[in-house]
PDB file of N, CA and C in Angstrom:
ATOM      1  N   MET A   1       0.839  -1.173   0.000  1.00  0.00           N
ATOM      2  CA  MET A   1       0.000   0.000   0.000  1.00  0.00           C
ATOM      3  C   MET A   1       0.887   1.240   0.000  1.00  0.00           C
ATOM      4  N   ALA A   2       0.656   2.125  -0.932  1.00  0.00           N
ATOM      5  CA  ALA A   2       1.460   3.343  -1.042  1.00  0.00           C
ATOM      6  C   ALA A   2       0.955   4.388  -0.050  1.00  0.00           C
ATOM      7  N   ARG A   3       1.871   5.065   0.557  1.00  0.00           N
ATOM      8  CA  ARG A   3       1.507   6.127   1.496  1.00  0.00           C
ATOM      9  C   ARG A   3       1.543   7.461   0.799  1.00  0.00           C
ATOM     10  N   ARG A   4       0.608   8.302   1.168  1.00  0.00           N
ATOM     11  CA  ARG A   4       0.616   9.662   0.626  1.00  0.00           C
ATOM     12  C   ARG A   4       1.685  10.457   1.345  1.00  0.00           C
ATOM     13  N   THR A   5       2.431  11.232   0.596  1.00  0.00           N
ATOM     14  CA  THR A   5       3.466  12.061   1.196  1.00  0.00           C
ATOM     15  C   THR A   5       3.100  13.533   1.088  1.00  0.00           C
ATOM     16  N   THR A   6       1.811  13.808   0.924  1.00  0.00           N
ATOM     17  CA  THR A   6       1.349  15.183   0.844  1.00  0.00           C
ATOM     18  C   THR A   6       1.535  15.854   2.194  1.00  0.00           C
ATOM     19  N   ARG A   7       2.121  16.996   2.158  1.00  0.00           N
ATOM     20  CA  ARG A   7       2.361  17.733   3.388  1.00  0.00           C
ATOM     21  C   ARG A   7       1.183  18.644   3.680  1.00  0.00           C
ATOM     22  N   PRO A   8       0.586  18.560   4.878  1.00  0.00           N
ATOM     23  CA  PRO A   8      -0.543  19.421   5.196  1.00  0.00           C
ATOM     24  C   PRO A   8      -0.116  20.884   5.241  1.00  0.00           C
ATOM     25  N   ALA A   9      -0.962  21.739   4.697  1.00  0.00           N
ATOM     26  CA  ALA A   9      -0.660  23.167   4.675  1.00  0.00           C
ATOM     27  C   ALA A   9      -1.043  23.797   6.006  1.00  0.00           C
ATOM     28  N   GLY A  10      -0.243  24.712   6.458  1.00  0.00           N
ATOM     29  CA  GLY A  10      -0.561  25.452   7.678  1.00  0.00           C
ATOM     30  C   GLY A  10      -0.169  24.713   8.945  1.00  0.00           C
ATOM     31  N   ARG A  11      -0.692  25.221  10.016  1.00  0.00           N
ATOM     32  CA  ARG A  11      -0.392  24.715  11.350  1.00  0.00           C
ATOM     33  C   ARG A  11      -1.134  23.425  11.655  1.00  0.00           C
ATOM     34  N   LEU A  12      -0.559  22.583  12.481  1.00  0.00           N
ATOM     35  CA  LEU A  12      -1.237  21.380  12.960  1.00  0.00           C
ATOM     36  C   LEU A  12      -1.795  21.675  14.344  1.00  0.00           C
ATOM     37  N   LEU A  13      -3.100  21.462  14.499  1.00  0.00           N
ATOM     38  CA  LEU A  13      -3.789  21.785  15.754  1.00  0.00           C
ATOM     39  C   LEU A  13      -4.037  20.521  16.573  1.00  0.00           C
ATOM     40  N   THR A  14      -3.990  20.673  17.882  1.00  0.00           N
ATOM     41  CA  THR A  14      -4.332  19.562  18.766  1.00  0.00           C
ATOM     42  C   THR A  14      -5.852  19.447  18.838  1.00  0.00           C
ATOM     43  N   VAL A  15      -6.318  18.336  19.384  1.00  0.00           N
ATOM     44  CA  VAL A  15      -7.762  18.127  19.558  1.00  0.00           C
ATOM     45  C   VAL A  15      -8.328  19.223  20.460  1.00  0.00           C
ATOM     46  N   ALA A  16      -7.594  19.596  21.497  1.00  0.00           N
ATOM     47  CA  ALA A  16      -8.045  20.642  22.413  1.00  0.00           C
ATOM     48  C   ALA A  16      -8.177  21.989  21.699  1.00  0.00           C
ATOM     49  N   GLU A  17      -7.225  22.311  20.817  1.00  0.00           N
ATOM     50  CA  GLU A  17      -7.288  23.577  20.075  1.00  0.00           C
ATOM     51  C   GLU A  17      -8.465  23.590  19.109  1.00  0.00           C
ATOM     52  N   VAL A  18      -8.720  22.448  18.468  1.00  0.00           N
ATOM     53  CA  VAL A  18      -9.859  22.350  17.550  1.00  0.00           C
ATOM     54  C   VAL A  18     -11.164  22.509  18.322  1.00  0.00           C
ATOM     55  N   ALA A  19     -11.260  21.849  19.467  1.00  0.00           N
ATOM     56  CA  ALA A  19     -12.465  21.953  20.297  1.00  0.00           C
ATOM     57  C   ALA A  19     -12.706  23.401  20.727  1.00  0.00           C
ATOM     58  N   GLU A  20     -11.641  24.088  21.066  1.00  0.00           N
ATOM     59  CA  GLU A  20     -11.768  25.489  21.476  1.00  0.00           C
ATOM     60  C   GLU A  20     -12.260  26.355  20.319  1.00  0.00           C
ATOM     61  N   ARG A  21     -11.711  26.134  19.121  1.00  0.00           N
ATOM     62  CA  ARG A  21     -12.142  26.915  17.949  1.00  0.00           C
ATOM     63  C   ARG A  21     -13.587  26.633  17.582  1.00  0.00           C
ATOM     64  N   LEU A  22     -14.032  25.387  17.780  1.00  0.00           N
ATOM     65  CA  LEU A  22     -15.418  25.029  17.457  1.00  0.00           C
ATOM     66  C   LEU A  22     -16.369  25.306  18.613  1.00  0.00           C
ATOM     67  N   ASN A  23     -15.813  25.702  19.756  1.00  0.00           N
ATOM     68  CA  ASN A  23     -16.590  25.968  20.963  1.00  0.00           C
ATOM     69  C   ASN A  23     -17.374  24.721  21.378  1.00  0.00           C
ATOM     70  N   THR A  24     -16.670  23.591  21.408  1.00  0.00           N
ATOM     71  CA  THR A  24     -17.257  22.317  21.802  1.00  0.00           C
ATOM     72  C   THR A  24     -16.340  21.646  22.818  1.00  0.00           C
ATOM     73  N   THR A  25     -16.757  20.471  23.264  1.00  0.00           N
ATOM     74  CA  THR A  25     -15.865  19.673  24.105  1.00  0.00           C
ATOM     75  C   THR A  25     -14.893  18.933  23.194  1.00  0.00           C
ATOM     76  N   GLN A  26     -13.884  18.294  23.775  1.00  0.00           N
ATOM     77  CA  GLN A  26     -12.905  17.548  22.995  1.00  0.00           C
ATOM     78  C   GLN A  26     -13.514  16.295  22.375  1.00  0.00           C
ATOM     79  N   ARG A  27     -14.638  15.869  22.887  1.00  0.00           N
ATOM     80  CA  ARG A  27     -15.285  14.667  22.360  1.00  0.00           C
ATOM     81  C   ARG A  27     -15.727  14.851  20.905  1.00  0.00           C
ATOM     82  N   TYR A  28     -16.191  16.046  20.550  1.00  0.00           N
ATOM     83  CA  TYR A  28     -16.682  16.282  19.188  1.00  0.00           C
ATOM     84  C   TYR A  28     -15.570  16.150  18.134  1.00  0.00           C
ATOM     85  N   PRO A  29     -14.422  16.826  18.271  1.00  0.00           N
ATOM     86  CA  PRO A  29     -13.356  16.617  17.283  1.00  0.00           C
ATOM     87  C   PRO A  29     -12.862  15.166  17.249  1.00  0.00           C
ATOM     88  N   ARG A  30     -12.839  14.502  18.388  1.00  0.00           N
ATOM     89  CA  ARG A  30     -12.437  13.099  18.405  1.00  0.00           C
ATOM     90  C   ARG A  30     -13.425  12.240  17.621  1.00  0.00           C
ATOM     91  N   ARG A  31     -14.711  12.568  17.723  1.00  0.00           N
ATOM     92  CA  ARG A  31     -15.720  11.834  16.965  1.00  0.00           C
ATOM     93  C   ARG A  31     -15.572  12.095  15.464  1.00  0.00           C
ATOM     94  N   LEU A  32     -15.268  13.338  15.099  1.00  0.00           N
ATOM     95  CA  LEU A  32     -15.029  13.661  13.689  1.00  0.00           C
ATOM     96  C   LEU A  32     -13.872  12.843  13.135  1.00  0.00           C
ATOM     97  N   ILE A  33     -12.839  12.680  13.932  1.00  0.00           N
ATOM     98  CA  ILE A  33     -11.672  11.893  13.528  1.00  0.00           C
ATOM     99  C   ILE A  33     -12.056  10.418  13.409  1.00  0.00           C
ATOM    100  N   GLU A  34     -12.760   9.912  14.403  1.00  0.00           N
ATOM    101  CA  GLU A  34     -13.152   8.498  14.397  1.00  0.00           C
ATOM    102  C   GLU A  34     -14.035   8.164  13.201  1.00  0.00           C
ATOM    103  N   GLU A  35     -14.941   9.080  12.845  1.00  0.00           N
ATOM    104  CA  GLU A  35     -15.857   8.862  11.722  1.00  0.00           C
ATOM    105  C   GLU A  35     -15.241   9.263  10.386  1.00  0.00           C
ATOM    106  N   ARG A  36     -13.975   9.716  10.407  1.00  0.00           N
ATOM    107  CA  ARG A  36     -13.251  10.127   9.200  1.00  0.00           C
ATOM    108  C   ARG A  36     -13.975  11.261   8.471  1.00  0.00           C
ATOM    109  N   ARG A  37     -14.544  12.185   9.235  1.00  0.00           N
ATOM    110  CA  ARG A  37     -15.256  13.316   8.639  1.00  0.00           C
ATOM    111  C   ARG A  37     -14.368  14.545   8.512  1.00  0.00           C
ATOM    112  N   ILE A  38     -13.137  14.455   9.043  1.00  0.00           N
ATOM    113  CA  ILE A  38     -12.183  15.558   8.942  1.00  0.00           C
ATOM    114  C   ILE A  38     -10.794  14.958   8.704  1.00  0.00           C
ATOM    115  N   THR A  39      -9.982  15.669   7.948  1.00  0.00           N
ATOM    116  CA  THR A  39      -8.621  15.214   7.672  1.00  0.00           C
ATOM    117  C   THR A  39      -7.784  15.345   8.937  1.00  0.00           C
ATOM    118  N   PHE A  40      -6.976  14.322   9.209  1.00  0.00           N
ATOM    119  CA  PHE A  40      -6.104  14.387  10.378  1.00  0.00           C
ATOM    120  C   PHE A  40      -4.766  13.740  10.065  1.00  0.00           C
ATOM    121  N   VAL A  41      -3.791  14.005  10.919  1.00  0.00           N
ATOM    122  CA  VAL A  41      -2.436  13.485  10.763  1.00  0.00           C
ATOM    123  C   VAL A  41      -2.077  12.747  12.040  1.00  0.00           C
ATOM    124  N   LYS A  42      -1.566  11.537  11.897  1.00  0.00           N
ATOM    125  CA  LYS A  42      -1.086  10.790  13.058  1.00  0.00           C
ATOM    126  C   LYS A  42       0.424  10.937  13.131  1.00  0.00           C
ATOM    127  N   ILE A  43       0.894  11.359  14.270  1.00  0.00           N
ATOM    128  CA  ILE A  43       2.326  11.483  14.526  1.00  0.00           C
ATOM    129  C   ILE A  43       2.596  10.599  15.739  1.00  0.00           C
ATOM    130  N   GLY A  44       3.014   9.369  15.459  1.00  0.00           N
ATOM    131  CA  GLY A  44       3.153   8.399  16.549  1.00  0.00           C
ATOM    132  C   GLY A  44       1.787   8.124  17.134  1.00  0.00           C
ATOM    133  N   ARG A  45       1.631   8.343  18.428  1.00  0.00           N
ATOM    134  CA  ARG A  45       0.329   8.136  19.062  1.00  0.00           C
ATOM    135  C   ARG A  45      -0.505   9.409  19.122  1.00  0.00           C
ATOM    136  N   TYR A  46       0.058  10.495  18.638  1.00  0.00           N
ATOM    137  CA  TYR A  46      -0.632  11.781  18.678  1.00  0.00           C
ATOM    138  C   TYR A  46      -1.416  12.024  17.393  1.00  0.00           C
ATOM    139  N   VAL A  47      -2.520  12.729  17.538  1.00  0.00           N
ATOM    140  CA  VAL A  47      -3.360  13.076  16.392  1.00  0.00           C
ATOM    141  C   VAL A  47      -3.392  14.591  16.286  1.00  0.00           C
ATOM    142  N   ARG A  48      -3.181  15.099  15.079  1.00  0.00           N
ATOM    143  CA  ARG A  48      -3.225  16.535  14.823  1.00  0.00           C
ATOM    144  C   ARG A  48      -4.132  16.791  13.622  1.00  0.00           C
ATOM    145  N   ILE A  49      -4.779  17.938  13.634  1.00  0.00           N
ATOM    146  CA  ILE A  49      -5.670  18.324  12.542  1.00  0.00           C
ATOM    147  C   ILE A  49      -5.091  19.562  11.883  1.00  0.00           C
ATOM    148  N   PRO A  50      -4.847  19.501  10.570  1.00  0.00           N
ATOM    149  CA  PRO A  50      -4.329  20.685   9.880  1.00  0.00           C
ATOM    150  C   PRO A  50      -5.339  21.834   9.966  1.00  0.00           C
ATOM    151  N   GLU A  51      -4.831  23.019  10.177  1.00  0.00           N
ATOM    152  CA  GLU A  51      -5.697  24.200  10.281  1.00  0.00           C
ATOM    153  C   GLU A  51      -6.528  24.371   9.010  1.00  0.00           C
ATOM    154  N   SER A  52      -5.932  24.054   7.861  1.00  0.00           N
ATOM    155  CA  SER A  52      -6.654  24.173   6.591  1.00  0.00           C
ATOM    156  C   SER A  52      -7.828  23.189   6.536  1.00  0.00           C
ATOM    157  N   ALA A  53      -7.661  21.999   7.111  1.00  0.00           N
ATOM    158  CA  ALA A  53      -8.747  21.013   7.136  1.00  0.00           C
ATOM    159  C   ALA A  53      -9.891  21.494   8.013  1.00  0.00           C
ATOM    160  N   LEU A  54      -9.557  22.132   9.126  1.00  0.00           N
ATOM    161  CA  LEU A  54     -10.595  22.673   9.998  1.00  0.00           C
ATOM    162  C   LEU A  54     -11.338  23.803   9.300  1.00  0.00           C
ATOM    163  N   ASP A  55     -10.600  24.674   8.606  1.00  0.00           N
ATOM    164  CA  ASP A  55     -11.238  25.763   7.860  1.00  0.00           C
ATOM    165  C   ASP A  55     -12.175  25.219   6.784  1.00  0.00           C
ATOM    166  N   GLU A  56     -11.759  24.154   6.088  1.00  0.00           N
ATOM    167  CA  GLU A  56     -12.603  23.533   5.068  1.00  0.00           C
ATOM    168  C   GLU A  56     -13.850  22.909   5.687  1.00  0.00           C
ATOM    169  N   PHE A  57     -13.686  22.273   6.847  1.00  0.00           N
ATOM    170  CA  PHE A  57     -14.818  21.659   7.538  1.00  0.00           C
ATOM    171  C   PHE A  57     -15.845  22.716   7.936  1.00  0.00           C
ATOM    172  N   ILE A  58     -15.363  23.832   8.450  1.00  0.00           N
ATOM    173  CA  ILE A  58     -16.259  24.921   8.852  1.00  0.00           C
ATOM    174  C   ILE A  58     -16.951  25.514   7.632  1.00  0.00           C
ATOM    175  N   ALA A  59     -16.199  25.725   6.555  1.00  0.00           N
ATOM    176  CA  ALA A  59     -16.770  26.295   5.331  1.00  0.00           C
ATOM    177  C   ALA A  59     -17.835  25.374   4.733  1.00  0.00           C
ATOM    178  N   ALA A  60     -17.609  24.063   4.799  1.00  0.00           N
ATOM    179  CA  ALA A  60     -18.574  23.108   4.248  1.00  0.00           C
ATOM    180  C   ALA A  60     -19.889  23.132   5.017  1.00  0.00           C
ATOM    181  N   GLY A  61     -19.837  23.498   6.282  1.00  0.00           N
ATOM    182  CA  GLY A  61     -21.051  23.522   7.096  1.00  0.00           C
ATOM    183  C   GLY A  61     -21.705  24.887   7.182  1.00  0.00           C
ATOM    184  N   THR A  62     -21.117  25.877   6.521  1.00  0.00           N
ATOM    185  CA  THR A  62     -21.660  27.228   6.580  1.00  0.00           C
ATOM    186  C   THR A  62     -22.896  27.349   5.692  1.00  0.00           C
ATOM    187  N   VAL A  63     -23.969  27.865   6.267  1.00  0.00           N
ATOM    188  CA  VAL A  63     -25.214  28.054   5.527  1.00  0.00           C
ATOM    189  C   VAL A  63     -25.419  29.556   5.342  1.00  0.00           C
ATOM    190  N   GLU A  64     -25.522  29.970   4.091  1.00  0.00           N
ATOM    191  CA  GLU A  64     -25.720  31.387   3.785  1.00  0.00           C
ATOM    192  C   GLU A  64     -27.185  31.761   4.025  1.00  0.00           C
ATOM    193  N   PRO A  65     -27.435  32.980   4.485  1.00  0.00           N
ATOM    194  CA  PRO A  65     -28.822  33.396   4.712  1.00  0.00           C
ATOM    195  C   PRO A  65     -29.568  33.571   3.392  1.00  0.00           C
ATOM    196  N   VAL A  66     -30.866  33.345   3.448  1.00  0.00           N
ATOM    197  CA  VAL A  66     -31.717  33.501   2.273  1.00  0.00           C
ATOM    198  C   VAL A  66     -32.191  34.949   2.236  1.00  0.00           C
ATOM    199  N   ARG A  67     -32.076  35.560   1.073  1.00  0.00           N
ATOM    200  CA  ARG A  67     -32.551  36.931   0.926  1.00  0.00           C
ATOM    201  C   ARG A  67     -33.922  36.876   0.292  1.00  0.00           C
ATOM    202  N   LEU A  68     -34.897  37.319   1.016  1.00  0.00           N
ATOM    203  CA  LEU A  68     -36.272  37.317   0.510  1.00  0.00           C
ATOM    204  C   LEU A  68     -36.509  38.602  -0.268  1.00  0.00           C
ATOM    205  N   HIS A  69     -37.116  38.451  -1.425  1.00  0.00           N
ATOM    206  CA  HIS A  69     -37.435  39.598  -2.250  1.00  0.00           C
ATOM    207  C   HIS A  69     -38.835  40.069  -1.868  1.00  0.00           C
ATOM    208  N   THR A  70     -38.898  41.233  -1.330  1.00  0.00           N
ATOM    209  CA  THR A  70     -40.206  41.768  -0.948  1.00  0.00           C
ATOM    210  C   THR A  70     -40.661  42.721  -2.021  1.00  0.00           C
ATOM    211  N   GLY A  71     -41.398  42.180  -2.959  1.00  0.00           N
ATOM    212  CA  GLY A  71     -41.919  42.991  -4.059  1.00  0.00           C
ATOM    213  C   GLY A  71     -43.182  43.727  -3.622  1.00  0.00           C
ATOM    214  N   ARG A  72     -43.430  44.827  -4.262  1.00  0.00           N
ATOM    215  CA  ARG A  72     -44.614  45.613  -3.945  1.00  0.00           C
ATOM    216  C   ARG A  72     -45.772  45.170  -4.842  1.00  0.00           C
ATOM    217  N   ALA A  73     -46.894  44.951  -4.248  1.00  0.00           N
ATOM    218  CA  ALA A  73     -48.074  44.570  -5.020  1.00  0.00           C
ATOM    219  C   ALA A  73     -48.645  45.796  -5.704  1.00  0.00           C
ATOM    220  N   ALA A  74     -49.019  45.660  -6.985  1.00  0.00           N
ATOM    221  CA  ALA A  74     -49.534  46.794  -7.733  1.00  0.00           C
ATOM    222  C   ALA A  74     -51.028  46.899  -7.639  1.00  0.00           C
TER     223      ALA A  74
END
Protein backbone atom coordinates (compact mmCIF):
# COMPACT_ATOMS: atom_id res chain seq x y z
CA MET A 1 0.00 0.00 0.00
CA ALA A 2 1.46 3.34 -1.04
CA ARG A 3 1.51 6.13 1.50
CA ARG A 4 0.62 9.66 0.63
CA THR A 5 3.47 12.06 1.20
CA THR A 6 1.35 15.18 0.84
CA ARG A 7 2.36 17.73 3.39
CA PRO A 8 -0.54 19.42 5.20
CA ALA A 9 -0.66 23.17 4.68
CA GLY A 10 -0.56 25.45 7.68
CA ARG A 11 -0.39 24.72 11.35
CA LEU A 12 -1.24 21.38 12.96
CA LEU A 13 -3.79 21.79 15.75
CA THR A 14 -4.33 19.56 18.77
CA VAL A 15 -7.76 18.13 19.56
CA ALA A 16 -8.04 20.64 22.41
CA GLU A 17 -7.29 23.58 20.08
CA VAL A 18 -9.86 22.35 17.55
CA ALA A 19 -12.46 21.95 20.30
CA GLU A 20 -11.77 25.49 21.48
CA ARG A 21 -12.14 26.91 17.95
CA LEU A 22 -15.42 25.03 17.46
CA ASN A 23 -16.59 25.97 20.96
CA THR A 24 -17.26 22.32 21.80
CA THR A 25 -15.87 19.67 24.11
CA GLN A 26 -12.91 17.55 23.00
CA ARG A 27 -15.28 14.67 22.36
CA TYR A 28 -16.68 16.28 19.19
CA PRO A 29 -13.36 16.62 17.28
CA ARG A 30 -12.44 13.10 18.41
CA ARG A 31 -15.72 11.83 16.97
CA LEU A 32 -15.03 13.66 13.69
CA ILE A 33 -11.67 11.89 13.53
CA GLU A 34 -13.15 8.50 14.40
CA GLU A 35 -15.86 8.86 11.72
CA ARG A 36 -13.25 10.13 9.20
CA ARG A 37 -15.26 13.32 8.64
CA ILE A 38 -12.18 15.56 8.94
CA THR A 39 -8.62 15.21 7.67
CA PHE A 40 -6.10 14.39 10.38
CA VAL A 41 -2.44 13.49 10.76
CA LYS A 42 -1.09 10.79 13.06
CA ILE A 43 2.33 11.48 14.53
CA GLY A 44 3.15 8.40 16.55
CA ARG A 45 0.33 8.14 19.06
CA TYR A 46 -0.63 11.78 18.68
CA VAL A 47 -3.36 13.08 16.39
CA ARG A 48 -3.22 16.54 14.82
CA ILE A 49 -5.67 18.32 12.54
CA PRO A 50 -4.33 20.69 9.88
CA GLU A 51 -5.70 24.20 10.28
CA SER A 52 -6.65 24.17 6.59
CA ALA A 53 -8.75 21.01 7.14
CA LEU A 54 -10.59 22.67 10.00
CA ASP A 55 -11.24 25.76 7.86
CA GLU A 56 -12.60 23.53 5.07
CA PHE A 57 -14.82 21.66 7.54
CA ILE A 58 -16.26 24.92 8.85
CA ALA A 59 -16.77 26.30 5.33
CA ALA A 60 -18.57 23.11 4.25
CA GLY A 61 -21.05 23.52 7.10
CA THR A 62 -21.66 27.23 6.58
CA VAL A 63 -25.21 28.05 5.53
CA GLU A 64 -25.72 31.39 3.78
CA PRO A 65 -28.82 33.40 4.71
CA VAL A 66 -31.72 33.50 2.27
CA ARG A 67 -32.55 36.93 0.93
CA LEU A 68 -36.27 37.32 0.51
CA HIS A 69 -37.43 39.60 -2.25
CA THR A 70 -40.21 41.77 -0.95
CA GLY A 71 -41.92 42.99 -4.06
CA ARG A 72 -44.61 45.61 -3.95
CA ALA A 73 -48.07 44.57 -5.02
CA ALA A 74 -49.53 46.79 -7.73
